[in-house]
Protein backbone atom coordinates (compact mmCIF):
# COMPACT_ATOMS: atom_id res chain seq x y z
CA MET A 1 3.72 16.50 0.81
CA PHE A 2 1.58 17.20 -2.26
CA SER A 3 0.83 20.07 -4.61
CA VAL A 4 -1.91 20.93 -7.05
CA LYS A 5 -1.03 21.82 -10.64
CA GLU A 6 -3.39 23.41 -13.13
CA ASN A 7 -3.24 22.14 -16.71
CA GLN A 8 -5.21 23.41 -19.66
CA PHE A 9 -7.11 20.76 -21.56
CA ALA A 10 -8.60 21.05 -25.06
CA ARG A 11 -10.20 18.11 -26.84
CA ASP A 12 -8.94 17.34 -30.32
CA GLY A 13 -10.54 19.64 -32.86
CA THR A 14 -11.59 22.29 -30.36
CA GLU A 15 -9.94 25.59 -29.64
CA LYS A 16 -11.53 26.11 -26.26
CA SER A 17 -9.48 24.86 -23.34
CA VAL A 18 -10.63 24.30 -19.79
CA PRO A 19 -8.60 24.08 -16.59
CA PHE A 20 -7.87 20.65 -15.19
CA TYR A 21 -6.24 20.07 -11.81
CA ILE A 22 -3.63 17.42 -11.04
CA VAL A 23 -2.65 16.45 -7.50
CA GLU A 24 1.10 15.87 -7.58
CA VAL A 25 1.87 13.20 -4.99
CA PRO A 26 5.04 11.17 -4.34
CA ASP A 27 4.92 7.47 -5.17
CA TRP A 28 3.71 5.12 -2.44
CA VAL A 29 4.54 1.58 -1.32
CA ASN A 30 2.47 -1.04 0.40
CA VAL A 31 3.52 -4.39 1.83
CA ILE A 32 1.89 -7.76 2.24
CA ALA A 33 4.11 -9.15 5.00
CA LEU A 34 3.83 -12.88 5.73
CA THR A 35 5.23 -14.63 8.77
CA ASP A 36 6.60 -18.18 8.65
CA LYS A 37 3.22 -19.28 10.09
CA SER A 38 1.38 -17.86 7.01
CA GLU A 39 0.07 -14.92 8.99
CA VAL A 40 -0.39 -11.49 7.42
CA VAL A 41 0.86 -8.42 9.29
CA LEU A 42 -1.91 -5.81 9.05
CA ILE A 43 -2.50 -2.45 10.64
CA GLU A 44 -5.65 -0.86 11.96
CA GLN A 45 -5.69 2.90 11.81
CA TYR A 46 -7.98 5.89 11.73
CA ARG A 47 -8.34 7.50 8.31
CA GLN A 48 -9.30 11.15 8.30
CA GLY A 49 -10.84 11.12 4.83
CA ILE A 50 -13.61 8.70 5.79
CA GLU A 51 -13.43 9.33 9.55
CA GLU A 52 -13.24 5.61 10.33
CA MET A 53 -10.86 2.98 11.66
CA ILE A 54 -9.86 0.62 8.86
CA ILE A 55 -7.62 -2.41 8.39
CA GLU A 56 -4.85 -2.11 5.82
CA ILE A 57 -1.40 -3.42 5.07
CA PRO A 58 1.65 -1.34 6.02
CA SER A 59 2.17 1.46 3.51
CA GLY A 60 3.59 4.90 3.02
CA VAL A 61 5.23 7.55 0.90
CA ILE A 62 8.56 7.00 -0.81
CA ASP A 63 10.95 9.68 0.42
CA LYS A 64 12.80 11.79 -2.14
CA GLY A 65 15.82 9.85 -3.41
CA GLU A 66 14.62 6.57 -1.86
CA ASP A 67 14.02 3.46 -3.97
CA PRO A 68 10.68 1.64 -3.59
CA ARG A 69 12.08 -1.51 -1.94
CA SER A 70 13.96 0.51 0.68
CA ALA A 71 10.81 2.52 1.37
CA ALA A 72 8.77 -0.68 1.75
CA LYS A 73 11.28 -2.10 4.24
CA ARG A 74 11.32 1.18 6.17
CA GLU A 75 7.53 1.47 6.30
CA LEU A 76 7.07 -2.14 7.46
CA LEU A 77 9.58 -1.66 10.28
CA GLU A 78 8.34 1.81 11.32
CA GLU A 79 4.63 0.93 11.33
CA THR A 80 4.78 -2.60 12.76
CA GLY A 81 8.24 -3.35 14.14
CA TYR A 82 8.53 -6.25 11.66
CA GLU A 83 11.36 -7.09 9.27
CA ALA A 84 11.30 -9.69 6.51
CA THR A 85 13.94 -11.91 4.93
CA GLU A 86 12.69 -11.99 1.31
CA TRP A 87 11.14 -9.24 -0.80
CA LYS A 88 9.34 -9.37 -4.13
CA LEU A 89 7.73 -6.58 -6.14
CA LEU A 90 4.24 -7.83 -7.00
CA ALA A 91 3.15 -4.97 -9.27
CA THR A 92 3.10 -1.22 -9.76
CA THR A 93 -0.28 0.43 -10.26
CA GLN A 94 -1.75 3.91 -10.67
CA PRO A 95 -4.07 4.75 -7.75
CA ASN A 96 -6.08 7.50 -9.44
CA PRO A 97 -4.64 8.65 -12.79
CA ALA A 98 -7.60 10.96 -13.38
CA LEU A 99 -6.36 13.26 -10.61
CA HIS A 100 -3.01 11.96 -9.27
CA ASN A 101 0.34 11.63 -10.99
CA ASN A 102 1.81 8.93 -8.73
CA ARG A 103 2.17 5.17 -8.61
CA VAL A 104 1.90 2.52 -5.90
CA HIS A 105 4.51 -0.25 -5.67
CA HIS A 106 3.02 -3.41 -4.13
CA PHE A 107 5.51 -5.67 -2.33
CA LEU A 108 5.40 -9.13 -0.83
CA ALA A 109 7.67 -9.63 2.17
CA THR A 110 8.12 -13.18 3.48
CA GLY A 111 9.80 -14.46 6.61
CA ALA A 112 8.39 -11.51 8.54
CA ARG A 113 9.16 -11.38 12.25
CA ARG A 114 8.79 -8.75 14.90
CA VAL A 115 12.14 -7.23 15.89
CA SER A 116 11.17 -3.97 17.61
CA GLU A 117 8.38 -1.71 18.68
CA PRO A 118 6.79 0.44 15.94
CA GLU A 119 8.21 3.95 15.49
CA LEU A 120 5.20 5.97 14.39
CA ASP A 121 5.18 9.45 12.88
CA GLU A 122 3.50 12.13 14.97
CA ASN A 123 0.44 12.02 12.70
CA GLU A 124 0.02 8.23 12.91
CA SER A 125 -2.11 6.30 15.35
CA LEU A 126 -2.30 2.61 14.53
CA GLN A 127 -2.28 -0.90 15.94
CA THR A 128 -0.59 -3.97 14.46
CA VAL A 129 -3.02 -6.80 13.73
CA VAL A 130 -1.85 -10.27 12.69
CA LYS A 131 -4.34 -12.53 10.87
CA GLY A 132 -4.08 -15.88 9.14
CA LEU A 133 -3.56 -15.61 5.39
CA GLU A 134 -6.76 -17.58 4.84
CA ASP A 135 -8.69 -14.90 6.78
CA THR A 136 -7.73 -12.04 4.47
CA GLU A 137 -10.00 -13.14 1.62
CA GLN A 138 -12.98 -13.14 3.97
CA LEU A 139 -11.96 -9.72 5.34
CA ILE A 140 -11.93 -8.37 1.78
CA ASP A 141 -15.21 -10.09 0.87
CA ASN A 142 -17.05 -8.72 3.91
CA GLY A 143 -15.68 -5.19 3.45
CA THR A 144 -13.49 -5.13 6.55
CA ILE A 145 -10.54 -4.60 4.20
CA ALA A 146 -11.83 -2.17 1.59
CA GLN A 147 -8.95 0.21 0.83
CA SER A 148 -8.50 -0.14 -2.95
CA MET A 149 -4.70 -0.26 -2.98
CA VAL A 150 -4.74 -3.04 -0.38
CA VAL A 151 -7.28 -5.00 -2.41
CA ALA A 152 -5.09 -4.48 -5.50
CA ALA A 153 -2.04 -5.83 -3.67
CA PHE A 154 -3.95 -8.97 -2.66
CA TYR A 155 -5.18 -9.37 -6.24
CA TYR A 156 -1.58 -9.52 -7.49
CA PHE A 157 -0.54 -11.76 -4.60
CA ASN A 158 -3.39 -14.20 -5.31
CA ARG A 159 -2.75 -14.11 -9.04
CA LEU A 160 0.89 -15.08 -8.58
CA ASN A 161 -0.02 -17.64 -5.93
CA ARG A 162 -2.38 -19.33 -8.42
CA LYS A 163 0.60 -19.76 -10.73
CA ASN A 164 1.94 -22.20 -8.11
CA GLU A 165 4.60 -19.88 -6.77
CA ASP A 166 5.05 -20.67 -3.10
CA PHE A 167 5.04 -17.36 -1.23
CA THR A 168 4.11 -18.81 2.13
CA ARG A 169 7.33 -20.65 2.87
């Protein structure tokens, strides 16, 4: 799923180079999915890196040859059993350009409704959690939602929402 590449780095004006390691990772997607009742479809899952259960939005890796929107639709359905009627790319960001070479595509999906049971990968263990849109800001403020790419997605969502675009219809 990822590889590590060694680059040589030399500052301008110096002849000495030092090794620098890049983690080559496929691009990711994440989805703020809103129901017609202005509820956000979230997931709670165990994350090995911090050895904790956390609350996030549906997300995942873009498969080779897959476009970001298709990956976002697939991940939402697989992880939560929800589909959405309208999709908008909120932004594309770089999760950690010091070490990673990938990007994250943040999507807004409106008109979300549950159509099936989740179809989880063998390495996934998660629960779908639905919260009111107004609750998400508090969940971010109190650290319940702390994953940086999720916080970034809500930043772009809130920024566009302040511009009087109605995403909650």
